[in-house]
Amino acid sequence: MSKPTKIKNKDGKTVYRIFVNRTVDGVPVRESRRFSTRQLAIDWADKRKREIERSEIYGDESVETIAAIIERYQAQFAHGFGRTKNYDIARLLKYDIAKLQVKKLTAKAIIAHCIERNKKAKPQTVANDVIWLRTIIRTMSHVEGFDFDMGIFDKASTVLQSEKLVGKSKRRNRRPTKKELWQLSRYFGKNKRSRVPMLHLMWFAVYSCRRVSEITRLEWADNDDDKQTGMVRDAKDPRKKEGNHRRFKYTASAWKIVLRQPKEGNLIFPYNSKTISTLFARACHILEINGLDFHDLRHEGASRLFEAGYRIEQVQMFTLHESWETLRRYTHLRPEDL
């Protein structure tokens, strides 16, 4: 590396010019900058030399916006994600941080984004922004070969966690009371005009411990009438969902509800999962039942199985949880039921 040269600008001011050499596609390229002091010139040259060395190993920094990189990530990898994950990724495109060039993303920018998001969103929701931003940039930097210092996320995380700008999702322990189940049963039982049999669906969710998205994918052809088992196709899994078909055991009550459904197609419950969730939420609002989601019926079903005396490995055959520790989260026994 050359030493700074003292020269005069056109306006007569003394400056220090320094050169840095590099090779681009086999062709020597000489970069130069002028600074007001000799030390600034030396510091820039040192910094630029380190950048060149990094680029030779990891590739040049990307000059594209974060939004462009997110969109390419979606096109290449997001096709197998669920609705929630795709929504979280697409939501990033709405914020100012997506307009930044990826090479200008800093810990400061990440913290500023989280501070702004906390004005309207919960810390656990904001944490998803950071998780996906880190995942996308790390993945695409390897796929496309551009350089990025992932250490800025570690720097930002220290502040985000200490100031509680991000957080973990709270574990739900909501179970419907006997009165609430009775209210919902009466409400859905009286609504004869709806083409969606919510009374059957509600109790099937309890007795089968199935997620609403799983209920609407169950097929008649997958049922084993002798063994009273069914199959969840593309079962939820943190690593692999597509092609993850898993067989489960129906409880006696769940099997009875299945047998009462008309065989008018391939699906046992040919309804839209969003519609089911919306109808359930509307019923809870009308009946003034607070804090209860359709997914809580799955919690209720798992807890009932434990209360009935099933062991954890037996309950797993009904619920299809991947790990016993995960299943433990969905088990909320009540002292009065023992």
Protein backbone atom coordinates (compact mmCIF):
# COMPACT_ATOMS: atom_id res chain seq x y z
CA MET A 1 0.00 0.00 0.00
CA SER A 2 1.32 3.45 -0.93
CA LYS A 3 1.91 6.20 1.58
CA PRO A 4 -0.13 9.42 1.62
CA THR A 5 1.10 12.14 -0.68
CA LYS A 6 0.82 15.78 0.33
CA ILE A 7 -0.69 17.86 -2.48
CA LYS A 8 -2.69 21.03 -3.02
CA ASN A 9 -6.23 21.17 -4.32
CA LYS A 10 -7.38 23.63 -6.98
CA ASP A 11 -8.48 25.98 -4.22
CA GLY A 12 -4.99 25.92 -2.75
CA LYS A 13 -5.81 23.84 0.32
CA THR A 14 -3.37 21.13 1.40
CA VAL A 15 -4.74 17.58 1.27
CA TYR A 16 -3.36 14.04 1.44
CA ARG A 17 -3.96 11.64 -1.46
CA ILE A 18 -3.53 7.90 -1.08
CA PHE A 19 -3.87 4.97 -3.49
CA VAL A 20 -5.15 1.42 -2.94
CA ASN A 21 -4.57 -1.25 -5.56
CA ARG A 22 -6.85 -4.17 -6.31
CA THR A 23 -7.50 -6.64 -9.15
CA VAL A 24 -10.94 -7.02 -10.77
CA ASP A 25 -11.32 -9.99 -13.18
CA GLY A 26 -7.55 -10.09 -13.66
CA VAL A 27 -7.31 -6.36 -14.44
CA PRO A 28 -5.37 -4.08 -12.01
CA VAL A 29 -7.54 -1.26 -10.66
CA ARG A 30 -6.21 1.70 -8.67
CA GLU A 31 -8.48 3.55 -6.25
CA SER A 32 -7.62 6.90 -4.70
CA ARG A 33 -9.12 9.29 -2.17
CA ARG A 34 -8.15 12.68 -0.79
CA PHE A 35 -8.37 13.62 2.91
CA SER A 36 -7.75 16.70 4.99
CA THR A 37 -5.26 14.91 7.28
CA ARG A 38 -2.59 12.31 6.77
CA GLN A 39 -4.04 10.01 9.45
CA LEU A 40 -7.48 9.96 7.82
CA ALA A 41 -5.86 8.89 4.56
CA ILE A 42 -4.00 6.05 6.28
CA ASP A 43 -7.14 4.91 8.15
CA TRP A 44 -9.21 4.85 4.96
CA ALA A 45 -6.56 2.86 3.11
CA ASP A 46 -6.39 0.30 5.94
CA LYS A 47 -10.17 -0.01 6.01
CA ARG A 48 -10.41 -0.31 2.24
CA LYS A 49 -7.72 -2.99 2.18
CA ARG A 50 -9.68 -5.08 4.70
CA GLU A 51 -12.83 -4.68 2.63
CA ILE A 52 -11.00 -5.88 -0.48
CA GLU A 53 -9.64 -8.92 1.35
CA ARG A 54 -13.12 -9.81 2.62
CA SER A 55 -14.61 -9.43 -0.84
CA GLU A 56 -12.00 -11.79 -2.30
CA ILE A 57 -13.15 -14.47 0.15
CA TYR A 58 -16.88 -13.75 0.60
CA GLY A 59 -17.71 -11.72 -2.51
CA ASP A 60 -18.54 -8.07 -2.97
CA GLU A 61 -21.15 -6.32 -0.88
CA SER A 62 -24.58 -6.17 -2.45
CA VAL A 63 -25.80 -2.72 -3.54
CA GLU A 64 -29.40 -3.94 -3.80
CA THR A 65 -32.18 -3.04 -1.41
CA ILE A 66 -33.33 -5.39 1.29
CA ALA A 67 -36.73 -5.47 -0.42
CA ALA A 68 -35.22 -6.90 -3.62
CA ILE A 69 -33.42 -9.60 -1.66
CA ILE A 70 -36.61 -10.47 0.29
CA GLU A 71 -38.54 -10.84 -2.96
CA ARG A 72 -35.94 -13.20 -4.43
CA TYR A 73 -35.96 -15.23 -1.21
CA GLN A 74 -39.74 -15.52 -1.46
CA ALA A 75 -39.53 -16.68 -5.06
CA GLN A 76 -36.92 -19.35 -4.31
CA PHE A 77 -37.78 -20.66 -0.86
CA ALA A 78 -41.14 -19.49 0.49
CA HIS A 79 -43.36 -21.74 -1.65
CA GLY A 80 -43.30 -24.48 1.01
CA PHE A 81 -44.04 -22.18 3.95
CA GLY A 82 -47.35 -21.89 5.74
CA ARG A 83 -49.66 -18.91 5.58
CA THR A 84 -48.29 -17.31 8.79
CA LYS A 85 -44.64 -17.46 7.72
CA ASN A 86 -45.39 -16.08 4.26
CA TYR A 87 -47.36 -13.24 5.85
CA ASP A 88 -44.50 -12.40 8.24
CA ILE A 89 -42.02 -12.24 5.35
CA ALA A 90 -44.28 -10.17 3.09
CA ARG A 91 -44.97 -7.74 5.95
CA LEU A 92 -41.29 -6.74 6.06
CA LEU A 93 -41.64 -5.16 2.62
CA LYS A 94 -44.00 -2.52 4.05
CA TYR A 95 -41.44 -0.91 6.34
CA ASP A 96 -38.67 1.64 5.72
CA ILE A 97 -35.96 -0.87 6.62
CA ALA A 98 -36.75 -2.74 3.38
CA LYS A 99 -35.81 0.36 1.38
CA LEU A 100 -32.22 0.30 2.67
CA GLN A 101 -29.39 -1.12 0.63
CA VAL A 102 -28.39 -4.33 2.36
CA LYS A 103 -24.80 -3.12 2.72
CA LYS A 104 -26.11 -0.14 4.74
CA LEU A 105 -28.07 -2.28 7.20
CA THR A 106 -26.64 -1.66 10.66
CA ALA A 107 -27.45 -2.54 14.25
CA LYS A 108 -28.73 1.02 14.60
CA ALA A 109 -31.19 0.53 11.72
CA ILE A 110 -32.47 -2.75 13.17
CA ILE A 111 -33.00 -1.19 16.61
CA ALA A 112 -34.76 1.84 15.08
CA HIS A 113 -37.09 -0.50 13.15
CA CYS A 114 -37.96 -2.41 16.33
CA ILE A 115 -38.60 0.78 18.32
CA GLU A 116 -41.02 1.96 15.63
CA ARG A 117 -42.73 -1.45 15.37
CA ASN A 118 -43.24 -1.61 19.15
CA LYS A 119 -45.60 1.34 18.91
CA LYS A 120 -48.23 -0.94 17.37
CA ALA A 121 -47.00 -4.54 17.73
CA LYS A 122 -46.10 -6.79 20.65
CA PRO A 123 -42.42 -7.61 21.33
CA GLN A 124 -42.93 -11.25 20.25
CA THR A 125 -44.27 -10.05 16.88
CA VAL A 126 -41.35 -7.66 16.45
CA ALA A 127 -38.98 -10.53 17.24
CA ASN A 128 -40.30 -12.34 14.16
CA ASP A 129 -39.20 -9.39 12.00
CA VAL A 130 -35.63 -9.71 13.24
CA ILE A 131 -35.62 -13.51 12.92
CA TRP A 132 -36.80 -13.42 9.31
CA LEU A 133 -34.52 -10.53 8.37
CA ARG A 134 -31.52 -12.43 9.72
CA THR A 135 -32.60 -15.68 8.03
CA ILE A 136 -33.21 -14.07 4.64
CA ILE A 137 -29.96 -12.13 4.49
CA ARG A 138 -27.88 -15.07 5.75
CA THR A 139 -29.45 -17.44 3.23
CA MET A 140 -29.25 -15.12 0.23
CA SER A 141 -25.67 -14.02 1.01
CA HIS A 142 -24.62 -17.67 0.72
CA VAL A 143 -26.83 -18.39 -2.30
CA GLU A 144 -25.80 -15.30 -4.26
CA GLY A 145 -22.28 -14.88 -2.90
CA PHE A 146 -22.43 -11.32 -1.58
CA ASP A 147 -20.65 -10.23 1.58
CA PHE A 148 -22.51 -9.24 4.74
CA ASP A 149 -21.41 -8.95 8.36
CA MET A 150 -24.02 -10.99 10.28
CA GLY A 151 -22.47 -9.75 13.52
CA ILE A 152 -24.67 -6.65 13.39
CA PHE A 153 -27.64 -8.82 14.41
CA ASP A 154 -25.80 -9.98 17.53
CA LYS A 155 -24.99 -6.35 18.39
CA ALA A 156 -28.61 -5.34 17.89
CA SER A 157 -29.97 -8.31 19.87
CA THR A 158 -28.10 -7.24 23.00
CA VAL A 159 -30.01 -3.95 23.05
CA LEU A 160 -33.30 -5.39 21.84
CA GLN A 161 -33.42 -7.98 24.60
CA SER A 162 -32.18 -5.76 27.43
CA GLU A 163 -34.73 -3.06 26.55
CA LYS A 164 -37.47 -5.67 25.98
CA LEU A 165 -38.09 -4.52 22.42
CA VAL A 166 -38.35 -8.18 21.40
CA GLY A 167 -39.68 -11.15 23.34
CA LYS A 168 -40.78 -14.75 23.18
CA SER A 169 -44.39 -15.74 22.54
CA LYS A 170 -46.32 -16.40 25.71
CA ARG A 171 -47.48 -19.95 26.21
CA ARG A 172 -51.25 -20.18 26.14
CA ASN A 173 -52.97 -22.07 28.92
CA ARG A 174 -56.54 -21.15 28.00
CA ARG A 175 -59.10 -23.93 28.26
CA PRO A 176 -62.82 -23.44 27.68
CA THR A 177 -64.95 -23.85 30.77
CA LYS A 178 -67.88 -26.26 30.85
CA LYS A 179 -70.22 -23.28 30.74
CA GLU A 180 -68.48 -21.84 27.66
CA LEU A 181 -68.68 -25.16 25.81
CA TRP A 182 -72.35 -25.39 26.69
CA GLN A 183 -72.96 -21.82 25.44
CA LEU A 184 -71.16 -22.47 22.17
CA SER A 185 -72.97 -25.78 21.67
CA ARG A 186 -76.36 -24.12 22.08
CA TYR A 187 -75.38 -21.25 19.79
CA PHE A 188 -74.11 -23.47 16.97
CA GLY A 189 -76.92 -25.99 17.47
CA LYS A 190 -79.57 -23.33 16.91
CA ASN A 191 -77.93 -21.95 13.76
CA LYS A 192 -79.47 -24.36 11.23
CA ARG A 193 -78.98 -22.09 8.21
CA SER A 194 -75.17 -22.23 8.16
CA ARG A 195 -73.70 -24.67 5.62
CA VAL A 196 -70.70 -25.11 7.93
CA PRO A 197 -71.56 -27.61 10.72
CA MET A 198 -69.80 -25.69 13.47
CA LEU A 199 -71.27 -27.83 16.26
CA HIS A 200 -69.67 -30.95 14.74
CA LEU A 201 -66.42 -29.14 13.94
CA MET A 202 -66.08 -27.67 17.43
CA TRP A 203 -66.49 -31.01 19.19
CA PHE A 204 -64.43 -32.85 16.60
CA ALA A 205 -61.56 -30.44 17.35
CA VAL A 206 -61.89 -31.30 21.04
CA TYR A 207 -62.20 -35.07 20.60
CA SER A 208 -59.59 -35.44 17.83
CA CYS A 209 -57.05 -32.80 19.03
CA ARG A 210 -56.64 -31.70 15.41
CA ARG A 211 -55.67 -28.24 14.21
CA VAL A 212 -58.29 -26.49 12.10
CA SER A 213 -56.00 -26.63 9.04
CA GLU A 214 -55.64 -30.40 9.56
CA ILE A 215 -59.37 -30.97 10.00
CA THR A 216 -60.15 -29.47 6.60
CA ARG A 217 -57.53 -31.68 4.88
CA LEU A 218 -58.68 -35.07 6.23
CA GLU A 219 -59.67 -37.49 3.44
CA TRP A 220 -62.09 -40.39 3.50
CA ALA A 221 -59.64 -42.60 1.61
CA ASP A 222 -57.06 -42.29 4.41
CA ASN A 223 -59.37 -43.67 7.09
CA ASP A 224 -58.93 -47.23 8.35
CA ASP A 225 -62.43 -48.27 9.45
CA ASP A 226 -61.28 -51.35 11.35
CA LYS A 227 -58.54 -49.60 13.33
CA GLN A 228 -60.35 -46.22 13.50
CA THR A 229 -57.30 -44.29 12.35
CA GLY A 230 -56.85 -41.45 9.89
CA MET A 231 -53.99 -39.56 8.26
CA VAL A 232 -52.86 -35.95 8.39
CA ARG A 233 -51.21 -35.11 5.10
CA ASP A 234 -48.35 -32.58 5.14
CA ALA A 235 -48.40 -32.49 8.94
CA LYS A 236 -46.87 -29.45 10.60
CA ASP A 237 -43.14 -29.82 11.19
CA PRO A 238 -40.43 -27.18 11.83
CA ARG A 239 -38.07 -28.86 9.35
CA LYS A 240 -40.26 -30.58 6.75
CA LYS A 241 -43.95 -30.21 6.06
CA GLU A 242 -44.48 -31.20 2.45
CA GLY A 243 -44.83 -34.98 2.18
CA ASN A 244 -44.89 -35.42 5.98
CA HIS A 245 -47.95 -37.70 6.09
CA ARG A 246 -48.68 -39.08 9.56
CA ARG A 247 -51.29 -41.56 10.80
CA PHE A 248 -53.22 -40.84 13.99
CA LYS A 249 -55.78 -42.54 16.19
CA TYR A 250 -59.36 -41.27 16.41
CA THR A 251 -60.98 -41.24 19.83
CA ALA A 252 -64.34 -43.03 19.94
CA SER A 253 -66.21 -39.71 20.10
CA ALA A 254 -64.25 -38.24 17.19
CA TRP A 255 -64.94 -41.35 15.10
CA LYS A 256 -68.69 -41.04 15.74
CA ILE A 257 -68.63 -37.46 14.43
CA VAL A 258 -66.75 -38.59 11.31
CA LEU A 259 -69.39 -41.23 10.58
CA ARG A 260 -72.12 -38.59 10.70
CA GLN A 261 -70.56 -36.57 7.86
CA PRO A 262 -72.00 -36.97 4.33
CA LYS A 263 -69.65 -38.58 1.82
CA GLU A 264 -69.95 -36.02 -0.96
CA GLY A 265 -66.32 -35.81 -2.03
CA ASN A 266 -62.76 -36.68 -1.05
CA LEU A 267 -62.68 -34.54 2.08
CA ILE A 268 -64.43 -35.41 5.32
CA PHE A 269 -64.86 -31.74 6.26
CA PRO A 270 -64.82 -29.81 2.95
CA TYR A 271 -64.77 -26.32 4.45
CA ASN A 272 -62.40 -23.36 4.51
CA SER A 273 -60.25 -23.25 7.66
CA LYS A 274 -60.37 -19.42 7.73
CA THR A 275 -64.16 -19.52 7.64
CA ILE A 276 -64.27 -21.93 10.58
CA SER A 277 -61.96 -19.74 12.66
CA THR A 278 -63.97 -16.62 11.77
CA LEU A 279 -67.31 -18.21 12.67
CA PHE A 280 -65.90 -19.44 15.98
CA ALA A 281 -64.47 -16.00 16.82
CA ARG A 282 -67.80 -14.37 15.92
CA ALA A 283 -69.70 -16.74 18.20
CA CYS A 284 -67.31 -16.00 21.10
CA HIS A 285 -67.83 -12.26 20.54
CA ILE A 286 -71.62 -12.59 20.55
CA LEU A 287 -71.57 -14.79 23.66
CA GLU A 288 -69.02 -12.48 25.36
CA ILE A 289 -66.48 -15.28 25.73
CA ASN A 290 -63.10 -13.59 25.97
CA GLY A 291 -59.65 -14.90 25.06
CA LEU A 292 -60.76 -18.19 23.49
CA ASP A 293 -59.46 -19.31 20.07
CA PHE A 294 -60.47 -22.32 17.98
CA HIS A 295 -56.94 -23.68 18.50
CA ASP A 296 -57.61 -23.78 22.26
CA LEU A 297 -59.99 -26.67 21.58
CA ARG A 298 -56.93 -28.75 20.67
CA HIS A 299 -55.45 -27.86 24.07
CA GLU A 300 -58.70 -28.92 25.68
CA GLY A 301 -58.65 -32.26 23.88
CA ALA A 302 -55.07 -33.07 24.89
CA SER A 303 -55.78 -32.19 28.51
CA ARG A 304 -58.87 -34.41 28.53
CA LEU A 305 -56.82 -37.36 27.31
CA PHE A 306 -54.40 -36.95 30.20
CA GLU A 307 -57.27 -36.58 32.63
CA ALA A 308 -58.70 -39.83 31.26
CA GLY A 309 -55.50 -41.62 32.29
CA TYR A 310 -53.58 -41.86 28.99
CA ARG A 311 -49.79 -41.77 29.21
CA ILE A 312 -47.83 -39.10 27.33
CA GLU A 313 -46.64 -41.50 24.61
CA GLN A 314 -50.26 -42.63 24.09
CA VAL A 315 -51.58 -39.07 23.86
CA GLN A 316 -48.96 -38.45 21.19
CA MET A 317 -50.69 -41.05 18.98
CA PHE A 318 -53.78 -38.82 18.98
CA THR A 319 -52.20 -35.36 18.81
CA LEU A 320 -49.13 -36.17 16.61
CA HIS A 321 -46.85 -33.80 18.50
CA GLU A 322 -43.25 -34.30 17.43
CA SER A 323 -41.78 -34.18 20.94
CA TRP A 324 -43.10 -34.94 24.38
CA GLU A 325 -41.78 -31.62 25.64
CA THR A 326 -43.84 -29.77 23.04
CA LEU A 327 -46.89 -31.81 23.96
CA ARG A 328 -46.43 -30.81 27.60
CA ARG A 329 -47.13 -27.20 26.62
CA TYR A 330 -50.60 -28.15 25.42
CA THR A 331 -51.52 -29.98 28.61
CA HIS A 332 -53.29 -27.84 31.17
CA LEU A 333 -54.76 -30.03 33.87
CA ARG A 334 -57.15 -28.46 36.35
CA PRO A 335 -57.01 -29.46 40.01
CA GLU A 336 -60.80 -29.68 40.21
CA ASP A 337 -60.85 -32.32 37.46
CA LEU A 338 -58.54 -34.76 39.27
